[in-house]
Every structure is written in structure tokens, then in C-alpha cells.
Amino acid sequence: MKKESLLNRGLASLMHLFSLLLTFILPILVYLISKNKNKYFADHAKEGMNLHFTFFPVFLLLTFISKKWSAASTLSFALIILETILILVAAIYTLNGKKFSYPVIRYFKVNH
């Protein structure tokens, strides 16, 4: 595996971090822009999409059922904490040039 420049690692790391605010929108945009230009960014964007496409529907479901089941609010909060921790770990690994794969459903194949 080729060592990526600090700039590329930093930008990919920021993509992971900013996806905390922009959920799956940012990884989709990064993927669409970089899919034919930069495999490194495209692979990190796919990782981000896999994470958010796994967590977002679960979060929405928990939000809808929280009015009838009070434990759903606690689970939603725990899911947000877990997602935040995973994204922080991915950002650190990415910045250090190490491979990181989210432990989620694989909607998009990532070739590291």
C-alpha cells in the first residue's frame, strides 16, 4: 500500500470528522468527486457511507419509537456516542496513515 501524503491523510481524516455533522451527505459528495481521481479518498468516503447507512436508519427507527418506548431514547443516545467514538478512531487512524474499517454492514466494497 502506497503511503499517502500528510495533506491527503489530513483531508480524509477531516472528512470522517465532519461527517459527524453532515452524516452521509459529506461521504457521498467526497465519493462522487473523487471516485475517478483519487482511490484513497474514494475508499474513505465508502467507509463513511457504510457507517452512516448502517447507523442512520437505526437512529431514525429509535427516534420514531421513542414516544412509545422510553428505552429507545437511551439507545439513540448510546448509538450517537458509539458512532462518535468510531468516527474519532477512524479519523486518528486515517491521519496516521493506518487502515481502519468501521464494524458495520458493507454496502460498498472498500479496497484498502
N, C-alpha and C. Protein backbone atom coordinates (compact mmCIF):
# COMPACT_ATOMS: atom_id res chain seq x y z
N MET A 1 0.84 -1.18 0.00
CA MET A 1 0.00 0.00 0.00
C MET A 1 0.89 1.25 0.00
N LYS A 2 0.63 2.16 -0.90
CA LYS A 2 1.38 3.39 -1.04
C LYS A 2 1.10 4.32 0.14
N LYS A 3 2.13 4.97 0.64
CA LYS A 3 1.96 5.91 1.75
C LYS A 3 1.40 7.21 1.21
N GLU A 4 0.29 7.63 1.77
CA GLU A 4 -0.36 8.87 1.33
C GLU A 4 0.32 10.07 1.97
N SER A 5 0.22 11.21 1.29
CA SER A 5 0.81 12.44 1.81
C SER A 5 0.05 12.89 3.06
N LEU A 6 0.70 13.71 3.86
CA LEU A 6 0.06 14.24 5.07
C LEU A 6 -1.19 15.03 4.71
N LEU A 7 -1.14 15.76 3.61
CA LEU A 7 -2.30 16.54 3.17
C LEU A 7 -3.49 15.61 2.88
N ASN A 8 -3.26 14.55 2.11
CA ASN A 8 -4.34 13.61 1.79
C ASN A 8 -4.87 12.93 3.05
N ARG A 9 -3.96 12.52 3.94
CA ARG A 9 -4.39 11.89 5.18
C ARG A 9 -5.20 12.86 6.03
N GLY A 10 -4.74 14.12 6.08
CA GLY A 10 -5.45 15.14 6.85
C GLY A 10 -6.84 15.42 6.29
N LEU A 11 -6.94 15.53 4.97
CA LEU A 11 -8.24 15.78 4.35
C LEU A 11 -9.20 14.61 4.53
N ALA A 12 -8.70 13.39 4.40
CA ALA A 12 -9.54 12.21 4.62
C ALA A 12 -9.99 12.14 6.08
N SER A 13 -9.09 12.48 6.98
CA SER A 13 -9.42 12.49 8.40
C SER A 13 -10.50 13.54 8.69
N LEU A 14 -10.37 14.72 8.09
CA LEU A 14 -11.40 15.76 8.26
C LEU A 14 -12.74 15.33 7.69
N MET A 15 -12.71 14.58 6.59
CA MET A 15 -13.96 14.07 6.02
C MET A 15 -14.68 13.20 7.04
N HIS A 16 -13.93 12.32 7.71
CA HIS A 16 -14.54 11.49 8.75
C HIS A 16 -15.11 12.37 9.86
N LEU A 17 -14.33 13.35 10.33
CA LEU A 17 -14.78 14.19 11.45
C LEU A 17 -16.01 15.02 11.08
N PHE A 18 -16.00 15.65 9.91
CA PHE A 18 -17.13 16.49 9.51
C PHE A 18 -18.38 15.67 9.21
N SER A 19 -18.21 14.37 8.99
CA SER A 19 -19.40 13.54 8.77
C SER A 19 -20.21 13.40 10.06
N LEU A 20 -19.62 13.77 11.20
CA LEU A 20 -20.40 13.81 12.44
C LEU A 20 -21.56 14.80 12.31
N LEU A 21 -21.30 15.89 11.62
CA LEU A 21 -22.32 16.93 11.44
C LEU A 21 -23.17 16.72 10.19
N LEU A 22 -22.56 16.23 9.13
CA LEU A 22 -23.23 16.14 7.84
C LEU A 22 -23.64 14.72 7.47
N THR A 23 -23.55 13.80 8.40
CA THR A 23 -23.90 12.38 8.24
C THR A 23 -23.41 11.84 6.90
N PHE A 24 -24.30 11.22 6.13
CA PHE A 24 -23.89 10.55 4.89
C PHE A 24 -23.71 11.51 3.72
N ILE A 25 -24.12 12.76 3.86
CA ILE A 25 -24.05 13.73 2.76
C ILE A 25 -22.59 13.98 2.36
N LEU A 26 -21.72 14.24 3.33
CA LEU A 26 -20.32 14.53 3.02
C LEU A 26 -19.61 13.34 2.38
N PRO A 27 -19.72 12.12 2.94
CA PRO A 27 -19.06 10.99 2.26
C PRO A 27 -19.56 10.77 0.83
N ILE A 28 -20.85 10.99 0.59
CA ILE A 28 -21.38 10.84 -0.77
C ILE A 28 -20.74 11.87 -1.69
N LEU A 29 -20.67 13.12 -1.25
CA LEU A 29 -20.07 14.17 -2.08
C LEU A 29 -18.60 13.88 -2.35
N VAL A 30 -17.86 13.48 -1.31
CA VAL A 30 -16.44 13.17 -1.48
C VAL A 30 -16.28 12.01 -2.46
N TYR A 31 -17.12 11.00 -2.32
CA TYR A 31 -17.02 9.85 -3.22
C TYR A 31 -17.31 10.26 -4.67
N LEU A 32 -18.37 11.01 -4.89
CA LEU A 32 -18.72 11.41 -6.25
C LEU A 32 -17.63 12.26 -6.89
N ILE A 33 -16.97 13.10 -6.11
CA ILE A 33 -15.91 13.95 -6.64
C ILE A 33 -14.62 13.16 -6.88
N SER A 34 -14.33 12.20 -5.99
CA SER A 34 -13.03 11.55 -6.05
C SER A 34 -13.00 10.15 -6.66
N LYS A 35 -14.14 9.58 -6.98
CA LYS A 35 -14.17 8.17 -7.40
C LYS A 35 -13.27 7.86 -8.59
N ASN A 36 -13.12 8.78 -9.52
CA ASN A 36 -12.26 8.53 -10.68
C ASN A 36 -10.92 9.24 -10.59
N LYS A 37 -10.71 9.99 -9.50
CA LYS A 37 -9.49 10.79 -9.38
C LYS A 37 -8.55 10.30 -8.29
N ASN A 38 -9.10 9.88 -7.15
CA ASN A 38 -8.27 9.53 -6.01
C ASN A 38 -8.88 8.36 -5.26
N LYS A 39 -8.30 7.19 -5.42
CA LYS A 39 -8.81 5.98 -4.79
C LYS A 39 -8.79 6.08 -3.27
N TYR A 40 -7.78 6.75 -2.72
CA TYR A 40 -7.66 6.91 -1.27
C TYR A 40 -8.89 7.62 -0.70
N PHE A 41 -9.26 8.76 -1.28
CA PHE A 41 -10.44 9.49 -0.81
C PHE A 41 -11.72 8.69 -1.06
N ALA A 42 -11.79 8.06 -2.22
CA ALA A 42 -12.98 7.28 -2.55
C ALA A 42 -13.19 6.14 -1.54
N ASP A 43 -12.11 5.46 -1.17
CA ASP A 43 -12.24 4.37 -0.19
C ASP A 43 -12.66 4.88 1.18
N HIS A 44 -12.11 6.01 1.60
CA HIS A 44 -12.52 6.56 2.90
C HIS A 44 -13.97 7.06 2.85
N ALA A 45 -14.37 7.59 1.73
CA ALA A 45 -15.76 8.02 1.59
C ALA A 45 -16.70 6.81 1.65
N LYS A 46 -16.31 5.70 1.03
CA LYS A 46 -17.12 4.48 1.09
C LYS A 46 -17.23 3.99 2.53
N GLU A 47 -16.14 4.05 3.29
CA GLU A 47 -16.18 3.67 4.70
C GLU A 47 -17.20 4.54 5.44
N GLY A 48 -17.14 5.84 5.18
CA GLY A 48 -18.09 6.76 5.83
C GLY A 48 -19.53 6.47 5.44
N MET A 49 -19.75 6.19 4.17
CA MET A 49 -21.11 5.86 3.73
C MET A 49 -21.59 4.58 4.39
N ASN A 50 -20.72 3.57 4.47
CA ASN A 50 -21.10 2.32 5.12
C ASN A 50 -21.52 2.57 6.57
N LEU A 51 -20.76 3.41 7.28
CA LEU A 51 -21.10 3.71 8.67
C LEU A 51 -22.46 4.38 8.77
N HIS A 52 -22.63 5.43 8.01
CA HIS A 52 -23.86 6.22 8.14
C HIS A 52 -25.08 5.49 7.58
N PHE A 53 -24.92 4.71 6.54
CA PHE A 53 -26.05 3.95 6.01
C PHE A 53 -26.44 2.80 6.94
N THR A 54 -25.55 2.42 7.85
CA THR A 54 -25.89 1.42 8.87
C THR A 54 -26.55 2.08 10.07
N PHE A 55 -25.97 3.17 10.56
CA PHE A 55 -26.46 3.79 11.79
C PHE A 55 -27.69 4.67 11.59
N PHE A 56 -27.76 5.41 10.49
CA PHE A 56 -28.85 6.38 10.31
C PHE A 56 -30.24 5.74 10.34
N PRO A 57 -30.50 4.65 9.63
CA PRO A 57 -31.84 4.05 9.70
C PRO A 57 -32.19 3.54 11.10
N VAL A 58 -31.20 3.00 11.80
CA VAL A 58 -31.45 2.53 13.17
C VAL A 58 -31.79 3.72 14.07
N PHE A 59 -31.05 4.81 13.91
CA PHE A 59 -31.32 6.00 14.70
C PHE A 59 -32.73 6.55 14.40
N LEU A 60 -33.10 6.60 13.13
CA LEU A 60 -34.45 7.07 12.78
C LEU A 60 -35.54 6.19 13.39
N LEU A 61 -35.36 4.89 13.32
CA LEU A 61 -36.32 3.96 13.90
C LEU A 61 -36.44 4.18 15.41
N LEU A 62 -35.31 4.31 16.08
CA LEU A 62 -35.34 4.55 17.52
C LEU A 62 -36.00 5.88 17.86
N THR A 63 -35.79 6.88 17.04
CA THR A 63 -36.42 8.18 17.25
C THR A 63 -37.94 8.08 17.13
N PHE A 64 -38.41 7.34 16.13
CA PHE A 64 -39.86 7.20 15.94
C PHE A 64 -40.53 6.39 17.05
N ILE A 65 -39.84 5.38 17.55
CA ILE A 65 -40.48 4.56 18.58
C ILE A 65 -40.23 5.07 19.99
N SER A 66 -39.43 6.12 20.15
CA SER A 66 -39.11 6.63 21.48
C SER A 66 -40.32 7.20 22.21
N LYS A 67 -41.35 7.61 21.48
CA LYS A 67 -42.56 8.13 22.11
C LYS A 67 -43.34 7.02 22.82
N LYS A 68 -43.20 5.79 22.33
CA LYS A 68 -43.93 4.66 22.92
C LYS A 68 -43.04 3.80 23.81
N TRP A 69 -41.73 3.88 23.61
CA TRP A 69 -40.81 3.03 24.36
C TRP A 69 -39.68 3.91 24.86
N SER A 70 -39.67 4.20 26.16
CA SER A 70 -38.72 5.17 26.73
C SER A 70 -37.27 4.72 26.60
N ALA A 71 -37.01 3.43 26.57
CA ALA A 71 -35.64 2.95 26.44
C ALA A 71 -35.03 3.30 25.08
N ALA A 72 -35.88 3.58 24.10
CA ALA A 72 -35.40 3.92 22.76
C ALA A 72 -34.57 5.22 22.79
N SER A 73 -34.95 6.15 23.64
CA SER A 73 -34.18 7.40 23.76
C SER A 73 -32.78 7.12 24.28
N THR A 74 -32.68 6.25 25.26
CA THR A 74 -31.37 5.88 25.80
C THR A 74 -30.55 5.16 24.74
N LEU A 75 -31.17 4.27 23.98
CA LEU A 75 -30.47 3.56 22.91
C LEU A 75 -30.01 4.52 21.82
N SER A 76 -30.83 5.52 21.49
CA SER A 76 -30.45 6.53 20.50
C SER A 76 -29.21 7.28 20.95
N PHE A 77 -29.22 7.67 22.22
CA PHE A 77 -28.07 8.38 22.77
C PHE A 77 -26.82 7.51 22.73
N ALA A 78 -26.96 6.24 23.11
CA ALA A 78 -25.83 5.30 23.08
C ALA A 78 -25.32 5.11 21.65
N LEU A 79 -26.23 5.07 20.69
CA LEU A 79 -25.85 4.91 19.28
C LEU A 79 -25.04 6.12 18.81
N ILE A 80 -25.45 7.32 19.21
CA ILE A 80 -24.72 8.53 18.84
C ILE A 80 -23.33 8.54 19.46
N ILE A 81 -23.23 8.11 20.72
CA ILE A 81 -21.93 8.04 21.39
C ILE A 81 -21.03 7.03 20.67
N LEU A 82 -21.57 5.85 20.35
CA LEU A 82 -20.80 4.83 19.65
C LEU A 82 -20.32 5.32 18.29
N GLU A 83 -21.21 5.95 17.56
CA GLU A 83 -20.86 6.48 16.24
C GLU A 83 -19.76 7.53 16.34
N THR A 84 -19.86 8.40 17.33
CA THR A 84 -18.86 9.44 17.54
C THR A 84 -17.49 8.83 17.85
N ILE A 85 -17.48 7.83 18.73
CA ILE A 85 -16.22 7.16 19.08
C ILE A 85 -15.61 6.50 17.84
N LEU A 86 -16.43 5.80 17.06
CA LEU A 86 -15.92 5.14 15.85
C LEU A 86 -15.35 6.14 14.86
N ILE A 87 -16.02 7.27 14.70
CA ILE A 87 -15.54 8.30 13.78
C ILE A 87 -14.23 8.91 14.27
N LEU A 88 -14.11 9.15 15.57
CA LEU A 88 -12.87 9.69 16.12
C LEU A 88 -11.71 8.70 15.91
N VAL A 89 -11.97 7.43 16.14
CA VAL A 89 -10.94 6.41 15.93
C VAL A 89 -10.54 6.37 14.45
N ALA A 90 -11.53 6.40 13.56
CA ALA A 90 -11.24 6.38 12.12
C ALA A 90 -10.41 7.60 11.72
N ALA A 91 -10.75 8.77 12.27
CA ALA A 91 -10.00 9.99 11.94
C ALA A 91 -8.55 9.89 12.40
N ILE A 92 -8.33 9.34 13.58
CA ILE A 92 -6.96 9.19 14.10
C ILE A 92 -6.18 8.19 13.26
N TYR A 93 -6.79 7.04 12.98
CA TYR A 93 -6.12 6.03 12.14
C TYR A 93 -5.78 6.62 10.77
N THR A 94 -6.74 7.32 10.19
CA THR A 94 -6.53 7.90 8.85
C THR A 94 -5.41 8.92 8.86
N LEU A 95 -5.39 9.77 9.86
CA LEU A 95 -4.35 10.79 9.96
C LEU A 95 -2.97 10.15 10.11
N ASN A 96 -2.92 9.01 10.79
CA ASN A 96 -1.64 8.30 10.96
C ASN A 96 -1.32 7.38 9.78
N GLY A 97 -2.15 7.36 8.77
CA GLY A 97 -1.89 6.55 7.57
C GLY A 97 -2.15 5.07 7.76
N LYS A 98 -2.93 4.72 8.78
CA LYS A 98 -3.24 3.32 9.05
C LYS A 98 -4.62 2.97 8.51
N LYS A 99 -4.78 1.70 8.18
CA LYS A 99 -6.06 1.20 7.67
C LYS A 99 -7.07 1.10 8.82
N PHE A 100 -8.29 1.56 8.58
CA PHE A 100 -9.37 1.40 9.55
C PHE A 100 -10.66 1.10 8.80
N SER A 101 -11.36 0.09 9.24
CA SER A 101 -12.66 -0.24 8.67
C SER A 101 -13.69 -0.23 9.78
N TYR A 102 -14.77 0.49 9.55
CA TYR A 102 -15.85 0.52 10.54
C TYR A 102 -16.48 -0.87 10.65
N PRO A 103 -16.84 -1.29 11.86
CA PRO A 103 -17.52 -2.59 12.03
C PRO A 103 -19.01 -2.44 11.74
N VAL A 104 -19.35 -2.35 10.46
CA VAL A 104 -20.73 -2.11 10.05
C VAL A 104 -21.08 -2.99 8.86
N ILE A 105 -22.30 -2.84 8.39
CA ILE A 105 -22.75 -3.53 7.18
C ILE A 105 -21.98 -2.96 5.99
N ARG A 106 -21.53 -3.81 5.11
CA ARG A 106 -20.76 -3.39 3.94
C ARG A 106 -21.69 -3.21 2.75
N TYR A 107 -22.14 -1.99 2.55
CA TYR A 107 -22.94 -1.68 1.37
C TYR A 107 -22.03 -1.45 0.16
N PHE A 108 -20.86 -0.87 0.44
CA PHE A 108 -19.92 -0.52 -0.61
C PHE A 108 -18.59 -1.18 -0.31
N LYS A 109 -18.03 -1.89 -1.28
CA LYS A 109 -16.76 -2.59 -1.10
C LYS A 109 -15.63 -1.56 -1.05
N VAL A 110 -14.75 -1.74 -0.07
CA VAL A 110 -13.60 -0.86 0.09
C VAL A 110 -12.35 -1.69 -0.11
N ASN A 111 -11.49 -1.24 -1.02
CA ASN A 111 -10.22 -1.93 -1.28
C ASN A 111 -9.08 -1.16 -0.64
N HIS A 112 -8.66 -1.60 0.50
CA HIS A 112 -7.53 -0.90 1.16
C HIS A 112 -6.24 -1.47 0.69
